[in-house]
C-alpha atoms as a PDB file:
ATOM      1  CA  MET A   1     184.397 126.203  32.231  1.00  0.00           C
ATOM      2  CA  GLY A   2     185.267 129.304  34.231  1.00  0.00           C
ATOM      3  CA  LEU A   3     186.393 132.197  32.046  1.00  0.00           C
ATOM      4  CA  PHE A   4     187.686 135.607  33.109  1.00  0.00           C
ATOM      5  CA  SER A   5     185.154 137.523  31.036  1.00  0.00           C
ATOM      6  CA  PHE A   6     186.210 141.136  30.551  1.00  0.00           C
ATOM      7  CA  PHE A   7     188.801 140.744  33.295  1.00  0.00           C
ATOM      8  CA  LYS A   8     191.099 143.734  33.325  1.00  0.00           C
ATOM      9  CA  GLN A   9     191.870 144.480  36.964  1.00  0.00           C
ATOM     10  CA  SER A  10     195.586 144.423  37.782  1.00  0.00           C
ATOM     11  CA  GLU A  11     195.331 144.634  41.588  1.00  0.00           C
ATOM     12  CA  LYS A  12     194.523 141.735  43.903  1.00  0.00           C
ATOM     13  CA  THR A  13     191.826 142.256  46.533  1.00  0.00           C
ATOM     14  CA  GLY A  14     192.172 138.782  48.031  1.00  0.00           C
ATOM     15  CA  LYS A  15     194.766 137.021  50.169  1.00  0.00           C
ATOM     16  CA  ASP A  16     196.439 133.624  49.858  1.00  0.00           C
ATOM     17  CA  ALA A  17     195.355 130.427  51.643  1.00  0.00           C
ATOM     18  CA  THR A  18     198.046 127.742  51.571  1.00  0.00           C
ATOM     19  CA  VAL A  19     198.110 124.151  52.790  1.00  0.00           C
ATOM     20  CA  SER A  20     200.644 121.370  52.683  1.00  0.00           C
ATOM     21  CA  SER A  21     200.089 119.145  49.673  1.00  0.00           C
ATOM     22  CA  GLU A  22     200.505 116.155  52.008  1.00  0.00           C
ATOM     23  CA  GLU A  23     197.001 116.970  53.267  1.00  0.00           C
ATOM     24  CA  LEU A  24     195.591 116.834  49.740  1.00  0.00           C
ATOM     25  CA  VAL A  25     197.645 114.466  47.584  1.00  0.00           C
ATOM     26  CA  ASP A  26     200.148 111.633  48.000  1.00  0.00           C
ATOM     27  CA  HIS A  27     203.867 111.449  47.231  1.00  0.00           C
ATOM     28  CA  ALA A  28     205.197 114.752  48.515  1.00  0.00           C
ATOM     29  CA  GLU A  29     208.658 115.927  47.487  1.00  0.00           C
ATOM     30  CA  THR A  30     211.659 115.188  49.669  1.00  0.00           C
ATOM     31  CA  GLY A  31     214.791 117.287  49.763  1.00  0.00           C
ATOM     32  CA  ASP A  32     215.273 120.949  50.547  1.00  0.00           C
ATOM     33  CA  VAL A  33     211.936 121.780  52.184  1.00  0.00           C
ATOM     34  CA  ASP A  34     213.008 125.379  52.813  1.00  0.00           C
ATOM     35  CA  ARG A  35     213.711 126.389  49.233  1.00  0.00           C
ATOM     36  CA  GLU A  36     211.457 128.962  47.571  1.00  0.00           C
ATOM     37  CA  VAL A  37     209.356 127.801  44.635  1.00  0.00           C
ATOM     38  CA  GLU A  38     208.215 130.209  41.926  1.00  0.00           C
ATOM     39  CA  THR A  39     204.938 129.317  40.196  1.00  0.00           C
ATOM     40  CA  PRO A  40     204.848 130.561  36.576  1.00  0.00           C
ATOM     41  CA  LEU A  41     201.496 131.183  34.912  1.00  0.00           C
ATOM     42  CA  SER A  42     199.674 128.244  33.317  1.00  0.00           C
ATOM     43  CA  PHE A  43     196.465 128.526  31.293  1.00  0.00           C
ATOM     44  CA  HIS A  44     193.952 125.745  30.787  1.00  0.00           C
ATOM     45  CA  PRO A  45     194.673 124.295  27.308  1.00  0.00           C
ATOM     46  CA  GLU A  46     191.143 125.135  26.145  1.00  0.00           C
ATOM     47  CA  TRP A  47     191.385 128.795  27.139  1.00  0.00           C
ATOM     48  CA  ASN A  48     191.795 131.370  24.411  1.00  0.00           C
ATOM     49  CA  VAL A  49     193.035 134.397  26.328  1.00  0.00           C
ATOM     50  CA  PRO A  50     193.242 137.785  24.576  1.00  0.00           C
ATOM     51  CA  LYS A  51     196.687 139.363  24.676  1.00  0.00           C
ATOM     52  CA  GLU A  52     195.610 142.241  26.941  1.00  0.00           C
ATOM     53  CA  GLN A  53     194.155 139.826  29.513  1.00  0.00           C
ATOM     54  CA  GLU A  54     197.189 137.582  29.293  1.00  0.00           C
ATOM     55  CA  TYR A  55     199.321 140.592  30.192  1.00  0.00           C
ATOM     56  CA  VAL A  56     197.177 141.230  33.286  1.00  0.00           C
ATOM     57  CA  PHE A  57     197.398 137.574  34.359  1.00  0.00           C
ATOM     58  CA  ARG A  58     201.180 137.547  33.958  1.00  0.00           C
ATOM     59  CA  PHE A  59     201.503 140.765  35.911  1.00  0.00           C
ATOM     60  CA  LEU A  60     199.412 139.333  38.769  1.00  0.00           C
ATOM     61  CA  SER A  61     201.184 135.967  38.783  1.00  0.00           C
ATOM     62  CA  ASN A  62     204.599 137.657  38.847  1.00  0.00           C
ATOM     63  CA  GLU A  63     203.515 139.494  42.006  1.00  0.00           C
ATOM     64  CA  LEU A  64     202.753 136.257  43.886  1.00  0.00           C
ATOM     65  CA  GLU A  65     204.974 135.317  46.802  1.00  0.00           C
ATOM     66  CA  PRO A  66     207.004 132.124  46.301  1.00  0.00           C
ATOM     67  CA  LEU A  67     205.724 128.928  47.889  1.00  0.00           C
ATOM     68  CA  LYS A  68     207.621 126.337  49.876  1.00  0.00           C
ATOM     69  CA  PRO A  69     207.907 122.808  48.442  1.00  0.00           C
ATOM     70  CA  ASN A  70     204.873 120.537  48.769  1.00  0.00           C
ATOM     71  CA  GLN A  71     202.300 123.298  49.013  1.00  0.00           C
ATOM     72  CA  ILE A  72     199.001 123.987  47.280  1.00  0.00           C
ATOM     73  CA  SER A  73     197.584 127.487  47.449  1.00  0.00           C
ATOM     74  CA  LEU A  74     194.515 129.462  46.428  1.00  0.00           C
ATOM     75  CA  SER A  75     195.473 133.058  45.782  1.00  0.00           C
ATOM     76  CA  GLY A  76     192.480 135.387  45.636  1.00  0.00           C
ATOM     77  CA  ILE A  77     192.389 137.933  42.801  1.00  0.00           C
ATOM     78  CA  ASP A  78     189.004 139.605  42.652  1.00  0.00           C
ATOM     79  CA  ILE A  79     185.247 139.021  43.105  1.00  0.00           C
ATOM     80  CA  ASP A  80     182.357 140.022  40.879  1.00  0.00           C
ATOM     81  CA  GLU A  81     178.635 139.657  41.539  1.00  0.00           C
ATOM     82  CA  ASP A  82     176.522 137.978  38.863  1.00  0.00           C
ATOM     83  CA  GLN A  83     173.029 139.036  37.858  1.00  0.00           C
ATOM     84  CA  ASN A  84     171.447 136.411  40.140  1.00  0.00           C
ATOM     85  CA  GLY A  85     173.208 137.525  43.313  1.00  0.00           C
ATOM     86  CA  GLY A  86     175.962 134.915  43.180  1.00  0.00           C
ATOM     87  CA  LEU A  87     179.689 135.568  43.468  1.00  0.00           C
ATOM     88  CA  LEU A  88     182.327 134.976  40.791  1.00  0.00           C
ATOM     89  CA  VAL A  89     185.522 134.444  42.757  1.00  0.00           C
ATOM     90  CA  LYS A  90     188.678 134.789  40.665  1.00  0.00           C
ATOM     91  CA  ALA A  91     191.779 133.116  42.002  1.00  0.00           C
ATOM     92  CA  PHE A  92     195.018 131.375  41.113  1.00  0.00           C
ATOM     93  CA  PHE A  93     195.228 127.671  41.914  1.00  0.00           C
ATOM     94  CA  ARG A  94     198.923 127.222  42.700  1.00  0.00           C
ATOM     95  CA  SER A  95     201.044 124.113  43.175  1.00  0.00           C
ATOM     96  CA  SER A  96     204.681 123.842  44.235  1.00  0.00           C
ATOM     97  CA  LEU A  97     204.819 120.099  43.620  1.00  0.00           C
ATOM     98  CA  PRO A  98     207.609 118.972  41.233  1.00  0.00           C
ATOM     99  CA  ARG A  99     205.134 116.974  39.140  1.00  0.00           C
ATOM    100  CA  PRO A 100     201.740 117.613  37.522  1.00  0.00           C
ATOM    101  CA  ILE A 101     198.635 117.011  39.625  1.00  0.00           C
ATOM    102  CA  GLU A 102     194.933 116.632  38.969  1.00  0.00           C
ATOM    103  CA  MET A 103     192.472 117.292  41.764  1.00  0.00           C
ATOM    104  CA  GLY A 104     189.037 115.810  42.437  1.00  0.00           C
ATOM    105  CA  ASN A 105     186.087 117.106  44.422  1.00  0.00           C
ATOM    106  CA  ALA A 106     186.789 119.538  47.242  1.00  0.00           C
ATOM    107  CA  GLU A 107     184.798 121.971  49.325  1.00  0.00           C
ATOM    108  CA  LEU A 108     186.051 125.552  49.078  1.00  0.00           C
ATOM    109  CA  MET A 109     185.244 128.243  51.623  1.00  0.00           C
ATOM    110  CA  LEU A 110     185.068 131.977  51.019  1.00  0.00           C
ATOM    111  CA  LEU A 111     186.247 133.816  54.139  1.00  0.00           C
ATOM    112  CA  ASP A 112     186.341 137.498  54.998  1.00  0.00           C
ATOM    113  CA  GLY A 113     189.363 139.302  56.439  1.00  0.00           C
ATOM    114  CA  GLU A 114     188.551 137.976  59.923  1.00  0.00           C
ATOM    115  CA  ASP A 115     188.079 134.380  58.715  1.00  0.00           C
ATOM    116  CA  ASN A 116     184.283 134.513  59.004  1.00  0.00           C
ATOM    117  CA  LEU A 117     182.598 132.088  56.620  1.00  0.00           C
ATOM    118  CA  LEU A 118     180.862 133.906  53.744  1.00  0.00           C
ATOM    119  CA  ALA A 119     180.152 130.974  51.407  1.00  0.00           C
ATOM    120  CA  SER A 120     180.986 127.317  50.932  1.00  0.00           C
ATOM    121  CA  LYS A 121     180.488 124.904  48.067  1.00  0.00           C
ATOM    122  CA  GLU A 122     181.885 121.633  46.747  1.00  0.00           C
ATOM    123  CA  PHE A 123     183.684 122.013  43.410  1.00  0.00           C
ATOM    124  CA  ASN A 124     184.896 119.435  40.928  1.00  0.00           C
ATOM    125  CA  LEU A 125     188.490 120.610  40.592  1.00  0.00           C
ATOM    126  CA  LYS A 126     189.064 118.188  37.714  1.00  0.00           C
ATOM    127  CA  GLU A 127     187.603 120.948  35.576  1.00  0.00           C
ATOM    128  CA  LEU A 128     190.837 122.880  36.070  1.00  0.00           C
ATOM    129  CA  GLY A 129     192.609 120.131  34.137  1.00  0.00           C
ATOM    130  CA  GLU A 130     196.073 118.829  34.908  1.00  0.00           C
ATOM    131  CA  ILE A 131     198.066 121.466  36.782  1.00  0.00           C
ATOM    132  CA  PRO A 132     201.695 121.459  35.617  1.00  0.00           C
ATOM    133  CA  ALA A 133     204.514 121.178  38.129  1.00  0.00           C
ATOM    134  CA  GLU A 134     205.270 124.391  40.009  1.00  0.00           C
ATOM    135  CA  SER A 135     202.674 126.584  38.346  1.00  0.00           C
ATOM    136  CA  ALA A 136     199.706 128.914  38.921  1.00  0.00           C
ATOM    137  CA  ARG A 137     196.453 128.500  36.989  1.00  0.00           C
ATOM    138  CA  PRO A 138     193.786 131.249  36.998  1.00  0.00           C
ATOM    139  CA  TRP A 139     190.169 130.173  37.449  1.00  0.00           C
ATOM    140  CA  VAL A 140     186.719 131.455  38.331  1.00  0.00           C
ATOM    141  CA  PHE A 141     184.884 129.712  41.161  1.00  0.00           C
ATOM    142  CA  THR A 142     181.155 130.448  41.077  1.00  0.00           C
ATOM    143  CA  PHE A 143     179.229 130.523  44.349  1.00  0.00           C
ATOM    144  CA  GLU A 144     175.555 130.646  43.448  1.00  0.00           C
ATOM    145  CA  GLN A 145     173.249 132.574  45.749  1.00  0.00           C
ATOM    146  CA  PRO A 146     172.027 129.499  47.743  1.00  0.00           C
ATOM    147  CA  PHE A 147     175.631 128.806  48.806  1.00  0.00           C
ATOM    148  CA  LEU A 148     176.145 132.284  50.279  1.00  0.00           C
ATOM    149  CA  LYS A 149     175.897 132.917  54.018  1.00  0.00           C
ATOM    150  CA  VAL A 150     175.719 136.715  53.567  1.00  0.00           C
ATOM    151  CA  GLU A 151     174.610 139.103  50.837  1.00  0.00           C
ATOM    152  CA  GLY A 152     177.029 140.979  48.612  1.00  0.00           C
ATOM    153  CA  LYS A 153     180.743 140.621  48.024  1.00  0.00           C
ATOM    154  CA  PRO A 154     183.283 141.085  50.825  1.00  0.00           C
ATOM    155  CA  ALA A 155     185.700 143.943  51.345  1.00  0.00           C
ATOM    156  CA  ASP A 156     189.375 143.612  50.465  1.00  0.00           C
ATOM    157  CA  GLY A 157     191.321 141.036  52.444  1.00  0.00           C
ATOM    158  CA  TRP A 158     189.053 138.045  51.736  1.00  0.00           C
ATOM    159  CA  LYS A 159     190.439 134.639  50.852  1.00  0.00           C
ATOM    160  CA  LEU A 160     189.397 131.395  49.219  1.00  0.00           C
ATOM    161  CA  ALA A 161     190.443 128.334  51.206  1.00  0.00           C
ATOM    162  CA  PHE A 162     190.253 124.572  51.071  1.00  0.00           C
ATOM    163  CA  ASN A 163     188.116 122.794  53.619  1.00  0.00           C
ATOM    164  CA  VAL A 164     190.797 120.146  54.091  1.00  0.00           C
ATOM    165  CA  GLN A 165     188.345 117.871  55.888  1.00  0.00           C
ATOM    166  CA  SER A 166     186.398 117.494  52.636  1.00  0.00           C
ATOM    167  CA  LEU A 167     189.467 115.863  51.051  1.00  0.00           C
ATOM    168  CA  VAL A 168     190.025 113.276  53.779  1.00  0.00           C
ATOM    169  CA  PRO A 169     188.749 109.800  52.792  1.00  0.00           C
ATOM    170  CA  HIS A 170     185.572 108.692  54.568  1.00  0.00           C
ATOM    171  CA  GLN A 171     186.609 106.926  57.771  1.00  0.00           C
ATOM    172  CA  LEU A 172     185.314 104.839  60.652  1.00  0.00           C
ATOM    173  CA  ASP A 173     184.513 106.878  63.784  1.00  0.00           C
ATOM    174  CA  LEU A 174     184.499 104.605  66.829  1.00  0.00           C
ATOM    175  CA  ASP A 175     183.134 105.655  70.202  1.00  0.00           C
ATOM    176  CA  PRO A 176     185.825 105.173  72.902  1.00  0.00           C
ATOM    177  CA  ALA A 177     183.896 102.212  74.344  1.00  0.00           C
ATOM    178  CA  TRP A 178     183.845 100.519  70.939  1.00  0.00           C
ATOM    179  CA  GLU A 179     187.498 101.415  70.347  1.00  0.00           C
ATOM    180  CA  GLU A 180     188.521  99.710  73.589  1.00  0.00           C
ATOM    181  CA  GLY A 181     186.092  96.784  73.443  1.00  0.00           C
ATOM    182  CA  LEU A 182     186.386  95.585  69.850  1.00  0.00           C
ATOM    183  CA  PRO A 183     189.246  93.362  68.689  1.00  0.00           C
ATOM    184  CA  GLU A 184     191.217  94.650  65.735  1.00  0.00           C
ATOM    185  CA  GLU A 185     189.755  92.111  63.310  1.00  0.00           C
ATOM    186  CA  GLN A 186     186.228  93.372  64.057  1.00  0.00           C
ATOM    187  CA  LYS A 187     187.350  96.965  63.530  1.00  0.00           C
ATOM    188  CA  ASP A 188     188.814  95.936  60.172  1.00  0.00           C
ATOM    189  CA  ALA A 189     185.540  94.219  59.280  1.00  0.00           C
ATOM    190  CA  LEU A 190     183.625  97.429  60.029  1.00  0.00           C
ATOM    191  CA  ARG A 191     186.028  99.435  57.853  1.00  0.00           C
ATOM    192  CA  GLN A 192     185.505  96.995  54.995  1.00  0.00           C
ATOM    193  CA  VAL A 193     181.724  97.387  55.289  1.00  0.00           C
ATOM    194  CA  ILE A 194     182.058 101.187  55.131  1.00  0.00           C
ATOM    195  CA  GLU A 195     184.224 100.981  51.999  1.00  0.00           C
ATOM    196  CA  LYS A 196     181.486  99.003  50.215  1.00  0.00           C
ATOM    197  CA  LEU A 197     178.643 101.370  51.097  1.00  0.00           C
ATOM    198  CA  PRO A 198     177.449 103.875  48.461  1.00  0.00           C
ATOM    199  CA  LYS A 199     179.264 107.201  48.539  1.00  0.00           C
ATOM    200  CA  LEU A 200     177.470 109.918  50.481  1.00  0.00           C
ATOM    201  CA  ASN A 201     176.375 113.099  48.783  1.00  0.00           C
ATOM    202  CA  PRO A 202     177.766 116.357  50.193  1.00  0.00           C
ATOM    203  CA  ARG A 203     176.070 117.186  53.536  1.00  0.00           C
ATOM    204  CA  GLU A 204     174.091 113.944  53.452  1.00  0.00           C
ATOM    205  CA  VAL A 205     173.389 112.069  56.695  1.00  0.00           C
ATOM    206  CA  ASN A 206     171.973 108.566  56.499  1.00  0.00           C
ATOM    207  CA  PHE A 207     171.633 105.381  58.523  1.00  0.00           C
ATOM    208  CA  SER A 208     172.783 101.976  57.306  1.00  0.00           C
ATOM    209  CA  GLY A 209     172.024  98.910  59.402  1.00  0.00           C
ATOM    210  CA  PHE A 210     174.480  96.014  59.619  1.00  0.00           C
ATOM    211  CA  GLN A 211     173.157  93.769  62.418  1.00  0.00           C
ATOM    212  CA  ALA A 212     169.719  93.020  63.911  1.00  0.00           C
ATOM    213  CA  LYS A 213     169.140  90.424  66.634  1.00  0.00           C
ATOM    214  CA  ILE A 214     166.254  89.465  68.872  1.00  0.00           C
ATOM    215  CA  GLN A 215     167.643  89.216  72.399  1.00  0.00           C
ATOM    216  CA  PRO A 216     166.803  86.369  74.829  1.00  0.00           C
ATOM    217  CA  GLU A 217     164.533  88.644  76.886  1.00  0.00           C
ATOM    218  CA  GLY A 218     162.602  89.636  73.749  1.00  0.00           C
ATOM    219  CA  SER A 219     164.117  93.038  72.959  1.00  0.00           C
ATOM    220  CA  LEU A 220     165.563  93.881  69.547  1.00  0.00           C
ATOM    221  CA  ALA A 221     169.176  95.035  69.224  1.00  0.00           C
ATOM    222  CA  VAL A 222     169.853  96.947  66.017  1.00  0.00           C
ATOM    223  CA  SER A 223     173.378  98.036  65.078  1.00  0.00           C
ATOM    224  CA  LEU A 224     173.804 100.630  62.362  1.00  0.00           C
ATOM    225  CA  PHE A 225     176.201 103.152  60.915  1.00  0.00           C
ATOM    226  CA  ILE A 226     175.345 106.814  61.389  1.00  0.00           C
ATOM    227  CA  ARG A 227     176.949 108.221  58.239  1.00  0.00           C
ATOM    228  CA  ASN A 228     177.944 111.891  58.137  1.00  0.00           C
ATOM    229  CA  GLY A 229     178.669 113.391  54.722  1.00  0.00           C
ATOM    230  CA  HIS A 230     179.119 116.896  56.167  1.00  0.00           C
ATOM    231  CA  THR A 231     182.537 118.515  56.404  1.00  0.00           C
ATOM    232  CA  GLN A 232     181.681 119.431  59.994  1.00  0.00           C
ATOM    233  CA  HIS A 233     180.813 117.344  63.028  1.00  0.00           C
ATOM    234  CA  ILE A 234     177.146 116.702  63.791  1.00  0.00           C
ATOM    235  CA  THR A 235     175.589 116.049  67.200  1.00  0.00           C
ATOM    236  CA  LEU A 236     172.440 113.982  67.730  1.00  0.00           C
ATOM    237  CA  GLU A 237     170.375 114.303  70.889  1.00  0.00           C
ATOM    238  CA  GLN A 238     167.178 112.489  69.908  1.00  0.00           C
ATOM    239  CA  LEU A 239     166.598 110.024  67.094  1.00  0.00           C
ATOM    240  CA  PRO A 240     163.326 108.345  66.033  1.00  0.00           C
ATOM    241  CA  LEU A 241     163.865 105.047  64.200  1.00  0.00           C
ATOM    242  CA  GLU A 242     161.822 102.407  62.411  1.00  0.00           C
ATOM    243  CA  VAL A 243     162.979  98.903  61.453  1.00  0.00           C
ATOM    244  CA  LEU A 244     161.496  97.037  58.474  1.00  0.00           C
ATOM    245  CA  ASP A 245     162.113  93.386  57.608  1.00  0.00           C
ATOM    246  CA  ALA A 246     162.697  91.711  54.229  1.00  0.00           C
ATOM    247  CA  THR A 247     159.003  91.970  53.332  1.00  0.00           C
ATOM    248  CA  GLY A 248     158.924  95.709  54.053  1.00  0.00           C
ATOM    249  CA  THR A 249     156.807  95.147  57.151  1.00  0.00           C
ATOM    250  CA  LEU A 250     157.318  97.427  60.129  1.00  0.00           C
ATOM    251  CA  VAL A 251     159.049  95.440  62.875  1.00  0.00           C
ATOM    252  CA  ALA A 252     159.769  98.063  65.541  1.00  0.00           C
ATOM    253  CA  ARG A 253     159.399 101.768  66.123  1.00  0.00           C
ATOM    254  CA  GLY A 254     160.918 103.945  68.827  1.00  0.00           C
ATOM    255  CA  SER A 255     162.551 107.241  69.743  1.00  0.00           C
ATOM    256  CA  PHE A 256     165.934 107.322  71.445  1.00  0.00           C
ATOM    257  CA  ASN A 257     167.488 109.973  73.658  1.00  0.00           C
ATOM    258  CA  LEU A 258     171.205 110.121  72.982  1.00  0.00           C
ATOM    259  CA  PRO A 259     174.003 111.467  75.222  1.00  0.00           C
ATOM    260  CA  SER A 260     174.884 114.254  72.761  1.00  0.00           C
ATOM    261  CA  LEU A 261     176.168 111.672  70.308  1.00  0.00           C
ATOM    262  CA  THR A 262     178.758 113.322  68.042  1.00  0.00           C
ATOM    263  CA  VAL A 263     179.645 111.960  64.605  1.00  0.00           C
ATOM    264  CA  LYS A 264     182.821 113.455  63.213  1.00  0.00           C
ATOM    265  CA  ALA A 265     182.953 115.091  59.800  1.00  0.00           C
ATOM    266  CA  ASN A 266     183.082 112.689  56.852  1.00  0.00           C
ATOM    267  CA  THR A 267     182.861 109.544  59.009  1.00  0.00           C
ATOM    268  CA  SER A 268     180.548 106.662  59.844  1.00  0.00           C
ATOM    269  CA  LYS A 269     179.927 105.863  63.516  1.00  0.00           C
ATOM    270  CA  PRO A 270     178.536 102.453  64.488  1.00  0.00           C
ATOM    271  CA  TRP A 271     175.927 102.492  67.243  1.00  0.00           C
ATOM    272  CA  THR A 272     173.543  99.948  68.756  1.00  0.00           C
ATOM    273  CA  PHE A 273     169.920 100.781  69.576  1.00  0.00           C
ATOM    274  CA  ILE A 274     167.857  98.526  71.833  1.00  0.00           C
ATOM    275  CA  PHE A 275     164.128  98.350  71.104  1.00  0.00           C
ATOM    276  CA  PRO A 276     162.386  96.985  74.228  1.00  0.00           C
ATOM    277  CA  LYS A 277     159.539  94.517  73.752  1.00  0.00           C
ATOM    278  CA  GLU A 278     156.901  97.245  73.982  1.00  0.00           C
ATOM    279  CA  MET A 279     158.412  98.933  70.888  1.00  0.00           C
ATOM    280  CA  ILE A 280     158.267  95.726  68.818  1.00  0.00           C
ATOM    281  CA  ILE A 281     155.244  95.537  66.530  1.00  0.00           C
ATOM    282  CA  MET A 282     155.846  92.327  64.562  1.00  0.00           C
ATOM    283  CA  GLU A 283     156.732  88.841  65.773  1.00  0.00           C
ATOM    284  CA  ASN A 284     159.082  86.518  63.888  1.00  0.00           C
ATOM    285  CA  PRO A 285     160.465  89.105  61.423  1.00  0.00           C
ATOM    286  CA  ASP A 286     162.454  88.038  58.380  1.00  0.00           C
ATOM    287  CA  PHE A 287     165.890  89.578  58.889  1.00  0.00           C
ATOM    288  CA  SER A 288     167.423  87.991  55.788  1.00  0.00           C
ATOM    289  CA  ARG A 289     167.264  91.551  54.506  1.00  0.00           C
ATOM    290  CA  TRP A 290     166.155  94.587  56.478  1.00  0.00           C
ATOM    291  CA  THR A 291     166.312  98.353  56.619  1.00  0.00           C
ATOM    292  CA  VAL A 292     166.289 101.075  59.218  1.00  0.00           C
ATOM    293  CA  ARG A 293     164.870 104.543  58.595  1.00  0.00           C
ATOM    294  CA  VAL A 294     164.074 107.819  60.299  1.00  0.00           C
ATOM    295  CA  PRO A 295     160.278 108.322  60.026  1.00  0.00           C
ATOM    296  CA  GLN A 296     159.108 111.554  58.430  1.00  0.00           C
END
């Protein structure tokens, strides 16, 4: 777990990044949404904090600006460099919810004073433990060197922020033509298929077929999900594909030029690819089970 080893600094060099808790968790508070919420210090139950460091933490937490109800905030404290060139980002995780919360996986971004991206990484925020109602918990978020976009630690005025898109459940991304042309029950069926697919790894892009049909004129129509595990949109302009039947035999191979096909962050977009007869290698394929892949 992240410990504030030898932490003694009593001045913050980072700023706050605050979002509405409605973007991150369910069941927001109702009532006086304009009231100010203080967030007293809360330590992880497994932390054994020396008295002198506890004094520093309390001093820093007492200096924090109040939050509004239903907010979650990351308040930057300080950054150290480790011996391998990574960054140890010290911050308060703050919640103004009136009940305890426990977070899951989320991508955090380290930004400089002009909001330029310096580093990004997915963290398992369950490690912070249950965050009590209306409290601030200190933590160290480690960005190893491969996750850094620049060398060295930033100047004062940096901030640690949630990539909110990383917390949105994976969704169906329909092209406008599909959105208009499909009846609602077919859209629901596509959503149900997506829910049953294996979870994507961070930044993973894969292709999952759901329908393959030989057309009357002899072409092969293959419908698949283009699945985007990135927290940013991706755009495809050319895509080589191979289709294999239940026996693992190559059925068709082709390369497709796409009209700058964009797949939104953390979504799956269904798309149909037509392999003309000249791209079909095998006759009478067994489509009781089949796969589609991008050749290496």
